[in-house]
Amino acid sequence: MVDLSKMSKDEQMKKLQQLQEYLEDVEDERTQVLSQRGIHLSSKMVKKYEIEINEIKKSISDLEQLIGI
């Protein structure tokens, strides 16, 4: 992963926006997949989304702290 502390503030803000958009996309995808009726979803799939969303949120939080938001 890229060392975020070596990025300019503009680059950090762009990265933050990208992460926020990615989080929104993953949450939307999760909602669509998990709301489907008539198909079986394994608990691994549910856990996969949970882990991915938590990792993105952690990255956003870390970057916000670095930026000072």
N, C-alpha and C. Protein backbone atom coordinates (compact mmCIF):
# COMPACT_ATOMS: atom_id res chain seq x y z
N MET A 1 0.83 -1.19 0.00
CA MET A 1 0.00 0.00 0.00
C MET A 1 0.87 1.24 0.00
N VAL A 2 0.35 2.30 -0.53
CA VAL A 2 1.06 3.56 -0.63
C VAL A 2 1.15 4.21 0.74
N ASP A 3 2.29 4.83 1.03
CA ASP A 3 2.45 5.56 2.29
C ASP A 3 1.69 6.87 2.18
N LEU A 4 0.55 6.94 2.82
CA LEU A 4 -0.34 8.09 2.71
C LEU A 4 0.28 9.36 3.29
N SER A 5 1.17 9.20 4.26
CA SER A 5 1.78 10.38 4.88
C SER A 5 2.74 11.10 3.94
N LYS A 6 3.16 10.44 2.88
CA LYS A 6 4.07 11.05 1.91
C LYS A 6 3.32 11.73 0.77
N MET A 7 2.01 11.60 0.77
CA MET A 7 1.19 12.23 -0.26
C MET A 7 0.94 13.69 0.10
N SER A 8 0.70 14.50 -0.92
CA SER A 8 0.30 15.89 -0.68
C SER A 8 -1.13 15.89 -0.12
N LYS A 9 -1.55 17.01 0.44
CA LYS A 9 -2.91 17.12 0.97
C LYS A 9 -3.94 16.89 -0.13
N ASP A 10 -3.66 17.41 -1.32
CA ASP A 10 -4.60 17.21 -2.43
C ASP A 10 -4.72 15.72 -2.78
N GLU A 11 -3.59 15.04 -2.82
CA GLU A 11 -3.61 13.60 -3.11
C GLU A 11 -4.34 12.83 -2.02
N GLN A 12 -4.13 13.24 -0.77
CA GLN A 12 -4.82 12.59 0.35
C GLN A 12 -6.32 12.80 0.25
N MET A 13 -6.73 14.00 -0.10
CA MET A 13 -8.16 14.29 -0.23
C MET A 13 -8.77 13.48 -1.39
N LYS A 14 -8.05 13.35 -2.49
CA LYS A 14 -8.53 12.55 -3.61
C LYS A 14 -8.66 11.09 -3.20
N LYS A 15 -7.66 10.59 -2.48
CA LYS A 15 -7.69 9.20 -2.01
C LYS A 15 -8.87 8.99 -1.07
N LEU A 16 -9.12 9.96 -0.19
CA LEU A 16 -10.25 9.87 0.74
C LEU A 16 -11.56 9.80 -0.04
N GLN A 17 -11.70 10.64 -1.05
CA GLN A 17 -12.91 10.62 -1.86
C GLN A 17 -13.07 9.28 -2.56
N GLN A 18 -11.97 8.74 -3.10
CA GLN A 18 -12.03 7.43 -3.77
C GLN A 18 -12.46 6.35 -2.80
N LEU A 19 -11.92 6.37 -1.59
CA LEU A 19 -12.29 5.36 -0.59
C LEU A 19 -13.75 5.48 -0.20
N GLN A 20 -14.24 6.71 -0.06
CA GLN A 20 -15.64 6.91 0.30
C GLN A 20 -16.57 6.41 -0.80
N GLU A 21 -16.19 6.66 -2.05
CA GLU A 21 -16.99 6.18 -3.18
C GLU A 21 -16.94 4.66 -3.26
N TYR A 22 -15.77 4.10 -3.02
CA TYR A 22 -15.62 2.65 -3.04
C TYR A 22 -16.47 2.01 -1.94
N LEU A 23 -16.46 2.61 -0.76
CA LEU A 23 -17.28 2.11 0.34
C LEU A 23 -18.75 2.12 -0.04
N GLU A 24 -19.19 3.21 -0.64
CA GLU A 24 -20.59 3.30 -1.06
C GLU A 24 -20.92 2.21 -2.08
N ASP A 25 -20.01 1.99 -3.03
CA ASP A 25 -20.23 0.96 -4.05
C ASP A 25 -20.33 -0.44 -3.42
N VAL A 26 -19.43 -0.73 -2.49
CA VAL A 26 -19.42 -2.05 -1.85
C VAL A 26 -20.68 -2.24 -1.01
N GLU A 27 -21.10 -1.19 -0.30
CA GLU A 27 -22.32 -1.28 0.50
C GLU A 27 -23.55 -1.47 -0.39
N ASP A 28 -23.58 -0.78 -1.52
CA ASP A 28 -24.69 -0.95 -2.46
C ASP A 28 -24.71 -2.37 -3.02
N GLU A 29 -23.54 -2.87 -3.39
CA GLU A 29 -23.44 -4.23 -3.92
C GLU A 29 -23.90 -5.24 -2.87
N ARG A 30 -23.45 -5.04 -1.64
CA ARG A 30 -23.83 -5.94 -0.54
C ARG A 30 -25.35 -5.94 -0.37
N THR A 31 -25.95 -4.78 -0.39
CA THR A 31 -27.39 -4.67 -0.22
C THR A 31 -28.12 -5.41 -1.34
N GLN A 32 -27.66 -5.23 -2.56
CA GLN A 32 -28.30 -5.90 -3.69
C GLN A 32 -28.15 -7.42 -3.61
N VAL A 33 -26.96 -7.87 -3.29
CA VAL A 33 -26.72 -9.32 -3.23
C VAL A 33 -27.50 -9.96 -2.09
N LEU A 34 -27.45 -9.34 -0.92
CA LEU A 34 -28.09 -9.94 0.25
C LEU A 34 -29.61 -9.81 0.24
N SER A 35 -30.14 -8.91 -0.58
CA SER A 35 -31.60 -8.75 -0.61
C SER A 35 -32.26 -9.64 -1.67
N GLN A 36 -31.47 -10.37 -2.42
CA GLN A 36 -32.03 -11.26 -3.44
C GLN A 36 -32.78 -12.41 -2.75
N ARG A 37 -33.92 -12.70 -3.28
CA ARG A 37 -34.72 -13.80 -2.73
C ARG A 37 -34.55 -15.02 -3.62
N GLY A 38 -34.69 -16.15 -3.01
CA GLY A 38 -34.68 -17.39 -3.76
C GLY A 38 -33.30 -17.94 -4.05
N ILE A 39 -32.26 -17.33 -3.51
CA ILE A 39 -30.93 -17.88 -3.67
C ILE A 39 -30.30 -18.06 -2.30
N HIS A 40 -29.47 -19.04 -2.20
CA HIS A 40 -28.79 -19.29 -0.93
C HIS A 40 -27.44 -18.58 -0.94
N LEU A 41 -27.20 -17.83 0.11
CA LEU A 41 -25.91 -17.16 0.26
C LEU A 41 -25.20 -17.77 1.46
N SER A 42 -23.98 -18.13 1.24
CA SER A 42 -23.22 -18.72 2.35
C SER A 42 -22.86 -17.64 3.36
N SER A 43 -22.61 -18.09 4.56
CA SER A 43 -22.20 -17.16 5.60
C SER A 43 -20.83 -16.57 5.28
N LYS A 44 -20.05 -17.28 4.46
CA LYS A 44 -18.75 -16.76 4.04
C LYS A 44 -18.93 -15.49 3.19
N MET A 45 -19.95 -15.47 2.37
CA MET A 45 -20.22 -14.30 1.53
C MET A 45 -20.59 -13.10 2.40
N VAL A 46 -21.42 -13.33 3.38
CA VAL A 46 -21.83 -12.26 4.30
C VAL A 46 -20.60 -11.76 5.06
N LYS A 47 -19.79 -12.66 5.55
CA LYS A 47 -18.59 -12.31 6.29
C LYS A 47 -17.59 -11.56 5.41
N LYS A 48 -17.49 -11.95 4.13
CA LYS A 48 -16.59 -11.29 3.18
C LYS A 48 -16.94 -9.81 3.06
N TYR A 49 -18.23 -9.53 2.89
CA TYR A 49 -18.66 -8.14 2.80
C TYR A 49 -18.38 -7.39 4.10
N GLU A 50 -18.64 -8.01 5.22
CA GLU A 50 -18.41 -7.39 6.52
C GLU A 50 -16.94 -7.01 6.68
N ILE A 51 -16.06 -7.94 6.35
CA ILE A 51 -14.62 -7.69 6.47
C ILE A 51 -14.18 -6.58 5.52
N GLU A 52 -14.64 -6.64 4.28
CA GLU A 52 -14.24 -5.64 3.29
C GLU A 52 -14.72 -4.25 3.69
N ILE A 53 -15.95 -4.14 4.14
CA ILE A 53 -16.50 -2.85 4.55
C ILE A 53 -15.75 -2.31 5.76
N ASN A 54 -15.44 -3.17 6.72
CA ASN A 54 -14.69 -2.72 7.90
C ASN A 54 -13.29 -2.26 7.53
N GLU A 55 -12.65 -2.93 6.59
CA GLU A 55 -11.31 -2.52 6.15
C GLU A 55 -11.34 -1.16 5.47
N ILE A 56 -12.35 -0.93 4.64
CA ILE A 56 -12.48 0.36 3.96
C ILE A 56 -12.74 1.46 4.98
N LYS A 57 -13.64 1.19 5.93
CA LYS A 57 -13.94 2.19 6.96
C LYS A 57 -12.70 2.52 7.79
N LYS A 58 -11.89 1.52 8.09
CA LYS A 58 -10.66 1.74 8.84
C LYS A 58 -9.70 2.61 8.03
N SER A 59 -9.58 2.33 6.74
CA SER A 59 -8.71 3.14 5.87
C SER A 59 -9.19 4.58 5.81
N ILE A 60 -10.49 4.76 5.72
CA ILE A 60 -11.06 6.12 5.70
C ILE A 60 -10.76 6.83 7.01
N SER A 61 -10.97 6.15 8.11
CA SER A 61 -10.71 6.73 9.43
C SER A 61 -9.24 7.12 9.59
N ASP A 62 -8.35 6.22 9.19
CA ASP A 62 -6.91 6.50 9.29
C ASP A 62 -6.53 7.71 8.45
N LEU A 63 -7.07 7.78 7.25
CA LEU A 63 -6.76 8.88 6.36
C LEU A 63 -7.34 10.20 6.88
N GLU A 64 -8.54 10.15 7.43
CA GLU A 64 -9.14 11.36 8.01
C GLU A 64 -8.29 11.87 9.17
N GLN A 65 -7.79 10.97 9.99
CA GLN A 65 -6.91 11.38 11.09
C GLN A 65 -5.63 12.02 10.55
N LEU A 66 -5.08 11.46 9.52
CA LEU A 66 -3.86 11.98 8.92
C LEU A 66 -4.09 13.38 8.35
N ILE A 67 -5.23 13.56 7.71
CA ILE A 67 -5.58 14.85 7.11
C ILE A 67 -5.94 15.86 8.19
N GLY A 68 -6.51 15.37 9.27
CA GLY A 68 -6.94 16.25 10.36
C GLY A 68 -8.41 16.61 10.29
N ILE A 69 -9.17 15.71 9.73
CA ILE A 69 -10.64 15.93 9.61
C ILE A 69 -11.32 15.41 10.86
